[in-house]
């Protein structure tokens, strides 16, 4: 039986796995660093006197996240109708640091502060 003398594939596999590892590390580093041009606002803890009270529409947004059992950092894709109906509360919650608008159309993620506020409503 003939031996497989194709050494290119044996040399290629370690390089491919190294590239995959490097790409994963770069993606993680990008997720952890804030996007350029975005200001990280840290709202006051929910229990303090300076904590902003949530309006009824903002509470309904958090109810949507709770219905789908979303955690901090998980993206929830809202329909165009939901985004149009909840445009102002989504914008306010993004400015207050409770949500992060994702690059995917209609995608929003809870921040740790938003997750705490959602848990407080339950």
Foldseek 3Di string as FASTA:
>chain_A
DDDDPPCVVVVVVVVVVVVVVVVVVVVVVVVPDDDPPDDQADADAPVDPRHDDDDPLLLVVLVVCVVVPADAPDKDADDPVVCVVSVVSVVVCVVNNQWDADPPVRIIGGHNRVRVVSVVVD
